């Protein structure tokens, strides 16, 4: 299969560009309660949140819809009569930055620099309950935000990968057709099937042992240094 040279590479976020060892929502909620001066029981609030998240997550995947952190935060504030001095956007950031420590996946800065040298544009589509503003803020802390032209979060659109419309939105924002961009990610259901379903040549990063059969139009790589080889092969 001949691969066309892309004008842009669009990336998944989690497990693709960034990663974290542990997500601790109780730490995020504890910090928000502290800033609000609230005496609400953290254990009671966390149990309520965990129940909501469990109920919603399955429906998200079934319907390709996104339930946002800010919506959940508003619900928690109202349910427990929490009066925060922060906006919902700032509460989201405090929760995000308190609940986990995020780092770049190995090889990401060099890979993004290589794409820039080749004049290939870079973007992100993330399935996330957190907004693109929060994601960009973290990417800025990691010193790569300026290397990514467009950052899209499902939290801002209400639609998750693999629904094609979120890919279409990214392409439209970059004035590109599907055949002019590649998509790269680590998840078979969201990224591989999503990218292929939207008509993009797709790169599966760190592919799982058991891959689905019958899919065409993609390549596999184990590390980001291998992306350069694919681009060298592209016509």
C-alpha atoms as a PDB file:
ATOM      1  CA  UNK A   1       0.000   0.000   0.000  1.00  0.00           C
ATOM      2  CA  UNK A   2       1.360   3.407  -0.997  1.00  0.00           C
ATOM      3  CA  UNK A   3       1.092   5.958   1.783  1.00  0.00           C
ATOM      4  CA  UNK A   4       0.482   9.582   0.876  1.00  0.00           C
ATOM      5  CA  UNK A   5       2.675  12.150   2.621  1.00  0.00           C
ATOM      6  CA  UNK A   6       0.482  14.034   5.111  1.00  0.00           C
ATOM      7  CA  UNK A   7       0.099  17.763   5.488  1.00  0.00           C
ATOM      8  CA  UNK A   8      -0.747  17.142   9.137  1.00  0.00           C
ATOM      9  CA  UNK A   9      -0.580  14.431  11.781  1.00  0.00           C
ATOM     10  CA  UNK A  10      -3.390  14.455  14.346  1.00  0.00           C
ATOM     11  CA  UNK A  11      -2.730  12.673  17.636  1.00  0.00           C
ATOM     12  CA  UNK A  12      -4.701  11.088  20.400  1.00  0.00           C
ATOM     13  CA  UNK A  13      -3.652  12.422  23.814  1.00  0.00           C
ATOM     14  CA  UNK A  14      -3.671   9.900  26.697  1.00  0.00           C
ATOM     15  CA  UNK A  15      -1.216   7.038  26.257  1.00  0.00           C
ATOM     16  CA  UNK A  16      -0.075   8.645  23.024  1.00  0.00           C
ATOM     17  CA  UNK A  17       1.432  12.027  23.923  1.00  0.00           C
ATOM     18  CA  UNK A  18       0.982  12.142  27.706  1.00  0.00           C
ATOM     19  CA  UNK A  19       0.655   9.631  30.533  1.00  0.00           C
ATOM     20  CA  UNK A  20       0.187   9.448  34.298  1.00  0.00           C
ATOM     21  CA  UNK A  21       0.871   6.653  36.750  1.00  0.00           C
ATOM     22  CA  UNK A  22      -2.218   7.150  38.876  1.00  0.00           C
ATOM     23  CA  UNK A  23      -5.475   9.098  38.850  1.00  0.00           C
ATOM     24  CA  UNK A  24      -6.556  10.078  42.366  1.00  0.00           C
ATOM     25  CA  UNK A  25      -9.887  11.934  42.204  1.00  0.00           C
ATOM     26  CA  UNK A  26     -10.083  12.118  46.002  1.00  0.00           C
ATOM     27  CA  UNK A  27      -7.003  14.355  45.992  1.00  0.00           C
ATOM     28  CA  UNK A  28      -8.638  16.670  43.479  1.00  0.00           C
ATOM     29  CA  UNK A  29     -11.848  16.841  45.475  1.00  0.00           C
ATOM     30  CA  UNK A  30     -10.000  17.350  48.755  1.00  0.00           C
ATOM     31  CA  UNK A  31      -8.199  20.364  47.310  1.00  0.00           C
ATOM     32  CA  UNK A  32     -11.451  21.853  45.984  1.00  0.00           C
ATOM     33  CA  UNK A  33     -13.176  21.420  49.336  1.00  0.00           C
ATOM     34  CA  UNK A  34     -10.223  23.067  51.045  1.00  0.00           C
ATOM     35  CA  UNK A  35     -10.303  26.070  48.698  1.00  0.00           C
ATOM     36  CA  UNK A  36     -14.070  26.406  49.174  1.00  0.00           C
ATOM     37  CA  UNK A  37     -13.732  26.242  52.963  1.00  0.00           C
ATOM     38  CA  UNK A  38     -16.296  23.441  52.925  1.00  0.00           C
ATOM     39  CA  UNK A  39     -16.832  20.953  55.745  1.00  0.00           C
ATOM     40  CA  UNK A  40     -18.550  18.435  53.462  1.00  0.00           C
ATOM     41  CA  UNK A  41     -17.381  14.877  54.067  1.00  0.00           C
ATOM     42  CA  UNK A  42     -14.830  13.954  51.395  1.00  0.00           C
ATOM     43  CA  UNK A  43     -15.783  10.274  51.705  1.00  0.00           C
ATOM     44  CA  UNK A  44     -19.477  11.046  51.125  1.00  0.00           C
ATOM     45  CA  UNK A  45     -18.781  13.348  48.184  1.00  0.00           C
ATOM     46  CA  UNK A  46     -16.361  10.867  46.606  1.00  0.00           C
ATOM     47  CA  UNK A  47     -18.804   7.980  46.944  1.00  0.00           C
ATOM     48  CA  UNK A  48     -21.479  10.077  45.228  1.00  0.00           C
ATOM     49  CA  UNK A  49     -19.086  11.033  42.410  1.00  0.00           C
ATOM     50  CA  UNK A  50     -17.921   7.445  41.923  1.00  0.00           C
ATOM     51  CA  UNK A  51     -21.518   6.290  41.524  1.00  0.00           C
ATOM     52  CA  UNK A  52     -22.266   8.964  38.923  1.00  0.00           C
ATOM     53  CA  UNK A  53     -19.106   8.199  36.976  1.00  0.00           C
ATOM     54  CA  UNK A  54     -19.845   4.457  36.971  1.00  0.00           C
ATOM     55  CA  UNK A  55     -23.354   5.068  35.680  1.00  0.00           C
ATOM     56  CA  UNK A  56     -22.214   7.442  32.963  1.00  0.00           C
ATOM     57  CA  UNK A  57     -19.057   5.780  31.602  1.00  0.00           C
ATOM     58  CA  UNK A  58     -20.821   2.802  30.030  1.00  0.00           C
ATOM     59  CA  UNK A  59     -23.364   5.071  28.361  1.00  0.00           C
ATOM     60  CA  UNK A  60     -20.573   7.269  27.022  1.00  0.00           C
ATOM     61  CA  UNK A  61     -19.050   4.394  25.082  1.00  0.00           C
ATOM     62  CA  UNK A  62     -22.413   3.072  23.940  1.00  0.00           C
ATOM     63  CA  UNK A  63     -23.539   6.431  22.585  1.00  0.00           C
ATOM     64  CA  UNK A  64     -20.175   8.088  21.796  1.00  0.00           C
ATOM     65  CA  UNK A  65     -21.179  11.033  23.988  1.00  0.00           C
ATOM     66  CA  UNK A  66     -19.116  12.931  26.557  1.00  0.00           C
ATOM     67  CA  UNK A  67     -20.076  13.818  30.121  1.00  0.00           C
ATOM     68  CA  UNK A  68     -17.874  16.697  31.226  1.00  0.00           C
ATOM     69  CA  UNK A  69     -15.985  17.381  34.425  1.00  0.00           C
ATOM     70  CA  UNK A  70     -17.523  20.846  34.647  1.00  0.00           C
ATOM     71  CA  UNK A  71     -21.045  19.387  34.485  1.00  0.00           C
ATOM     72  CA  UNK A  72     -20.118  16.921  37.208  1.00  0.00           C
ATOM     73  CA  UNK A  73     -18.540  19.692  39.270  1.00  0.00           C
ATOM     74  CA  UNK A  74     -21.699  21.796  39.036  1.00  0.00           C
ATOM     75  CA  UNK A  75     -23.710  18.779  40.188  1.00  0.00           C
ATOM     76  CA  UNK A  76     -21.378  18.186  43.152  1.00  0.00           C
ATOM     77  CA  UNK A  77     -21.468  21.845  44.155  1.00  0.00           C
ATOM     78  CA  UNK A  78     -25.260  21.969  44.077  1.00  0.00           C
ATOM     79  CA  UNK A  79     -25.825  18.557  45.654  1.00  0.00           C
ATOM     80  CA  UNK A  80     -23.517  19.309  48.600  1.00  0.00           C
ATOM     81  CA  UNK A  81     -24.162  23.085  48.801  1.00  0.00           C
ATOM     82  CA  UNK A  82     -20.520  23.914  48.072  1.00  0.00           C
ATOM     83  CA  UNK A  83     -19.866  27.577  47.352  1.00  0.00           C
ATOM     84  CA  UNK A  84     -16.520  27.826  45.572  1.00  0.00           C
ATOM     85  CA  UNK A  85     -14.715  31.130  44.989  1.00  0.00           C
ATOM     86  CA  UNK A  86     -13.426  29.681  41.700  1.00  0.00           C
ATOM     87  CA  UNK A  87     -15.079  29.543  38.296  1.00  0.00           C
ATOM     88  CA  UNK A  88     -16.019  26.106  36.974  1.00  0.00           C
ATOM     89  CA  UNK A  89     -13.066  26.317  34.584  1.00  0.00           C
ATOM     90  CA  UNK A  90     -10.665  26.972  37.472  1.00  0.00           C
ATOM     91  CA  UNK A  91     -12.254  24.231  39.571  1.00  0.00           C
ATOM     92  CA  UNK A  92     -11.655  21.874  36.667  1.00  0.00           C
ATOM     93  CA  UNK A  93      -7.987  22.881  36.538  1.00  0.00           C
ATOM     94  CA  UNK A  94      -7.515  22.501  40.292  1.00  0.00           C
ATOM     95  CA  UNK A  95      -9.091  19.047  40.214  1.00  0.00           C
ATOM     96  CA  UNK A  96      -7.032  17.946  37.183  1.00  0.00           C
ATOM     97  CA  UNK A  97      -3.707  19.234  38.492  1.00  0.00           C
ATOM     98  CA  UNK A  98      -4.278  17.871  42.001  1.00  0.00           C
ATOM     99  CA  UNK A  99      -5.535  14.423  40.975  1.00  0.00           C
ATOM    100  CA  UNK A 100      -2.555  13.378  38.869  1.00  0.00           C
ATOM    101  CA  UNK A 101       1.013  14.093  37.830  1.00  0.00           C
ATOM    102  CA  UNK A 102       1.351  14.087  34.058  1.00  0.00           C
ATOM    103  CA  UNK A 103       4.429  13.550  31.920  1.00  0.00           C
ATOM    104  CA  UNK A 104       5.178  13.247  28.220  1.00  0.00           C
ATOM    105  CA  UNK A 105       5.420   9.821  26.616  1.00  0.00           C
ATOM    106  CA  UNK A 106       9.020   8.980  25.690  1.00  0.00           C
ATOM    107  CA  UNK A 107      10.108  10.471  22.389  1.00  0.00           C
ATOM    108  CA  UNK A 108       7.295  12.987  22.000  1.00  0.00           C
ATOM    109  CA  UNK A 109       9.342  16.239  21.907  1.00  0.00           C
ATOM    110  CA  UNK A 110      11.799  14.906  19.331  1.00  0.00           C
ATOM    111  CA  UNK A 111       8.976  13.502  17.222  1.00  0.00           C
ATOM    112  CA  UNK A 112       7.086  16.808  17.234  1.00  0.00           C
ATOM    113  CA  UNK A 113      10.267  18.659  16.341  1.00  0.00           C
ATOM    114  CA  UNK A 114      10.851  16.291  13.425  1.00  0.00           C
ATOM    115  CA  UNK A 115       7.346  16.947  12.118  1.00  0.00           C
ATOM    116  CA  UNK A 116       7.953  20.683  12.374  1.00  0.00           C
ATOM    117  CA  UNK A 117      11.184  20.351  10.386  1.00  0.00           C
ATOM    118  CA  UNK A 118       9.218  18.536   7.706  1.00  0.00           C
ATOM    119  CA  UNK A 119       6.588  21.354   7.721  1.00  0.00           C
ATOM    120  CA  UNK A 120       3.920  18.867   8.810  1.00  0.00           C
ATOM    121  CA  UNK A 121       1.229  20.407  10.992  1.00  0.00           C
ATOM    122  CA  UNK A 122       0.330  18.879  14.373  1.00  0.00           C
ATOM    123  CA  UNK A 123      -2.982  18.590  16.256  1.00  0.00           C
ATOM    124  CA  UNK A 124      -4.717  16.627  19.014  1.00  0.00           C
ATOM    125  CA  UNK A 125      -8.126  14.988  19.388  1.00  0.00           C
ATOM    126  CA  UNK A 126      -8.725  13.723  22.913  1.00  0.00           C
ATOM    127  CA  UNK A 127     -11.543  11.740  24.469  1.00  0.00           C
ATOM    128  CA  UNK A 128     -11.654  13.649  27.725  1.00  0.00           C
ATOM    129  CA  UNK A 129     -14.139  15.007  30.226  1.00  0.00           C
ATOM    130  CA  UNK A 130     -11.735  17.943  30.600  1.00  0.00           C
ATOM    131  CA  UNK A 131     -11.779  20.894  28.212  1.00  0.00           C
ATOM    132  CA  UNK A 132      -9.184  21.747  25.599  1.00  0.00           C
ATOM    133  CA  UNK A 133      -8.222  24.804  27.689  1.00  0.00           C
ATOM    134  CA  UNK A 134      -7.210  22.541  30.576  1.00  0.00           C
ATOM    135  CA  UNK A 135      -5.362  20.193  28.238  1.00  0.00           C
ATOM    136  CA  UNK A 136      -3.510  23.092  26.611  1.00  0.00           C
ATOM    137  CA  UNK A 137      -2.539  24.402  30.030  1.00  0.00           C
ATOM    138  CA  UNK A 138      -0.886  21.081  30.846  1.00  0.00           C
ATOM    139  CA  UNK A 139       0.767  20.868  27.440  1.00  0.00           C
ATOM    140  CA  UNK A 140       2.167  24.358  28.066  1.00  0.00           C
ATOM    141  CA  UNK A 141       3.555  23.182  31.417  1.00  0.00           C
ATOM    142  CA  UNK A 142       5.177  20.308  29.512  1.00  0.00           C
ATOM    143  CA  UNK A 143       6.609  22.802  26.963  1.00  0.00           C
ATOM    144  CA  UNK A 144       4.878  21.345  23.905  1.00  0.00           C
ATOM    145  CA  UNK A 145       1.688  23.427  23.572  1.00  0.00           C
ATOM    146  CA  UNK A 146       3.271  25.726  20.996  1.00  0.00           C
ATOM    147  CA  UNK A 147       4.068  22.724  18.804  1.00  0.00           C
ATOM    148  CA  UNK A 148       0.383  21.754  18.466  1.00  0.00           C
ATOM    149  CA  UNK A 149      -1.778  23.904  16.218  1.00  0.00           C
ATOM    150  CA  UNK A 150      -5.192  22.564  17.224  1.00  0.00           C
ATOM    151  CA  UNK A 151      -6.271  20.817  20.435  1.00  0.00           C
ATOM    152  CA  UNK A 152      -9.762  19.309  20.460  1.00  0.00           C
ATOM    153  CA  UNK A 153     -11.424  17.709  23.472  1.00  0.00           C
ATOM    154  CA  UNK A 154     -14.643  15.737  23.394  1.00  0.00           C
ATOM    155  CA  UNK A 155     -15.627  17.736  26.495  1.00  0.00           C
ATOM    156  CA  UNK A 156     -16.105  20.791  24.284  1.00  0.00           C
ATOM    157  CA  UNK A 157     -18.170  18.979  21.643  1.00  0.00           C
ATOM    158  CA  UNK A 158     -20.133  16.390  23.622  1.00  0.00           C
ATOM    159  CA  UNK A 159     -19.062  13.717  21.105  1.00  0.00           C
ATOM    160  CA  UNK A 160     -16.321  11.124  21.580  1.00  0.00           C
ATOM    161  CA  UNK A 161     -14.078   9.173  19.248  1.00  0.00           C
ATOM    162  CA  UNK A 162     -14.706   6.976  17.302  1.00  0.00           C
ATOM    163  CA  UNK A 163     -17.608   9.144  16.068  1.00  0.00           C
ATOM    164  CA  UNK A 164     -16.416  10.611  12.752  1.00  0.00           C
ATOM    165  CA  UNK A 165     -17.739  14.116  13.417  1.00  0.00           C
ATOM    166  CA  UNK A 166     -14.986  14.918  15.895  1.00  0.00           C
ATOM    167  CA  UNK A 167     -12.389  14.041  13.249  1.00  0.00           C
ATOM    168  CA  UNK A 168     -14.315  16.084  10.690  1.00  0.00           C
ATOM    169  CA  UNK A 169     -14.254  19.069  13.044  1.00  0.00           C
ATOM    170  CA  UNK A 170     -10.470  18.853  13.424  1.00  0.00           C
ATOM    171  CA  UNK A 171      -9.970  18.597   9.674  1.00  0.00           C
ATOM    172  CA  UNK A 172     -12.296  21.531   9.040  1.00  0.00           C
ATOM    173  CA  UNK A 173     -10.459  23.699  11.553  1.00  0.00           C
ATOM    174  CA  UNK A 174      -7.243  22.955   9.658  1.00  0.00           C
ATOM    175  CA  UNK A 175      -8.865  23.280   6.195  1.00  0.00           C
ATOM    176  CA  UNK A 176      -7.781  19.749   5.305  1.00  0.00           C
ATOM    177  CA  UNK A 177      -9.415  16.784   3.581  1.00  0.00           C
ATOM    178  CA  UNK A 178      -9.166  13.316   5.185  1.00  0.00           C
ATOM    179  CA  UNK A 179      -6.573  12.114   2.664  1.00  0.00           C
ATOM    180  CA  UNK A 180      -4.297  15.023   3.642  1.00  0.00           C
ATOM    181  CA  UNK A 181      -3.881  13.987   7.284  1.00  0.00           C
ATOM    182  CA  UNK A 182      -2.771  11.004   9.344  1.00  0.00           C
ATOM    183  CA  UNK A 183      -4.172  10.063  12.730  1.00  0.00           C
ATOM    184  CA  UNK A 184      -2.061   8.400  15.437  1.00  0.00           C
ATOM    185  CA  UNK A 185      -3.182   6.848  18.706  1.00  0.00           C
ATOM    186  CA  UNK A 186      -2.874   3.850  21.007  1.00  0.00           C
ATOM    187  CA  UNK A 187      -6.478   2.666  21.344  1.00  0.00           C
ATOM    188  CA  UNK A 188      -7.989   0.232  18.833  1.00  0.00           C
ATOM    189  CA  UNK A 189     -11.634   1.171  19.367  1.00  0.00           C
ATOM    190  CA  UNK A 190     -11.296   4.946  19.660  1.00  0.00           C
ATOM    191  CA  UNK A 191      -8.204   5.713  17.596  1.00  0.00           C
ATOM    192  CA  UNK A 192      -7.668   2.983  15.045  1.00  0.00           C
ATOM    193  CA  UNK A 193     -11.311   2.394  14.159  1.00  0.00           C
ATOM    194  CA  UNK A 194     -12.105   6.077  14.601  1.00  0.00           C
ATOM    195  CA  UNK A 195      -9.326   7.305  12.340  1.00  0.00           C
ATOM    196  CA  UNK A 196     -10.020   4.725   9.670  1.00  0.00           C
ATOM    197  CA  UNK A 197     -13.753   5.390   9.879  1.00  0.00           C
ATOM    198  CA  UNK A 198     -13.123   9.076   9.238  1.00  0.00           C
ATOM    199  CA  UNK A 199     -11.020   8.270   6.173  1.00  0.00           C
ATOM    200  CA  UNK A 200      -7.575   9.007   7.620  1.00  0.00           C
ATOM    201  CA  UNK A 201      -4.483   6.875   7.245  1.00  0.00           C
ATOM    202  CA  UNK A 202      -3.950   5.738  10.830  1.00  0.00           C
ATOM    203  CA  UNK A 203      -0.899   4.846  12.892  1.00  0.00           C
ATOM    204  CA  UNK A 204      -1.471   2.508  15.838  1.00  0.00           C
ATOM    205  CA  UNK A 205       1.029   3.366  18.574  1.00  0.00           C
ATOM    206  CA  UNK A 206       2.194   0.537  20.860  1.00  0.00           C
ATOM    207  CA  UNK A 207      -0.340  -1.903  19.405  1.00  0.00           C
ATOM    208  CA  UNK A 208      -1.933  -4.444  21.745  1.00  0.00           C
ATOM    209  CA  UNK A 209      -1.127  -8.122  21.467  1.00  0.00           C
ATOM    210  CA  UNK A 210      -4.608  -9.019  20.257  1.00  0.00           C
ATOM    211  CA  UNK A 211      -5.481  -6.749  17.359  1.00  0.00           C
ATOM    212  CA  UNK A 212      -8.761  -6.928  15.451  1.00  0.00           C
ATOM    213  CA  UNK A 213      -8.549  -8.608  12.076  1.00  0.00           C
ATOM    214  CA  UNK A 214      -9.878  -7.340   8.791  1.00  0.00           C
ATOM    215  CA  UNK A 215      -8.737  -3.721   9.134  1.00  0.00           C
ATOM    216  CA  UNK A 216      -6.639  -2.054   6.442  1.00  0.00           C
ATOM    217  CA  UNK A 217      -5.158   1.376   5.897  1.00  0.00           C
ATOM    218  CA  UNK A 218      -2.955   1.572   8.981  1.00  0.00           C
ATOM    219  CA  UNK A 219       0.543   0.842  10.228  1.00  0.00           C
ATOM    220  CA  UNK A 220       1.925  -0.097  13.636  1.00  0.00           C
ATOM    221  CA  UNK A 221       4.798   1.485  15.530  1.00  0.00           C
ATOM    222  CA  UNK A 222       6.235   0.700  18.967  1.00  0.00           C
ATOM    223  CA  UNK A 223       8.048   4.001  19.595  1.00  0.00           C
ATOM    224  CA  UNK A 224       7.820   7.537  18.253  1.00  0.00           C
ATOM    225  CA  UNK A 225      11.197   7.390  16.529  1.00  0.00           C
ATOM    226  CA  UNK A 226       9.603   4.946  14.052  1.00  0.00           C
ATOM    227  CA  UNK A 227       7.204   7.599  12.754  1.00  0.00           C
ATOM    228  CA  UNK A 228      10.032   9.218  10.806  1.00  0.00           C
ATOM    229  CA  UNK A 229      10.539   5.981   8.874  1.00  0.00           C
ATOM    230  CA  UNK A 230       6.888   5.914   7.843  1.00  0.00           C
ATOM    231  CA  UNK A 231       7.107   9.511   6.673  1.00  0.00           C
ATOM    232  CA  UNK A 232      10.264   8.723   4.678  1.00  0.00           C
ATOM    233  CA  UNK A 233       8.364   5.940   2.893  1.00  0.00           C
ATOM    234  CA  UNK A 234       5.391   8.170   2.059  1.00  0.00           C
ATOM    235  CA  UNK A 235       5.004   9.258  -1.542  1.00  0.00           C
END
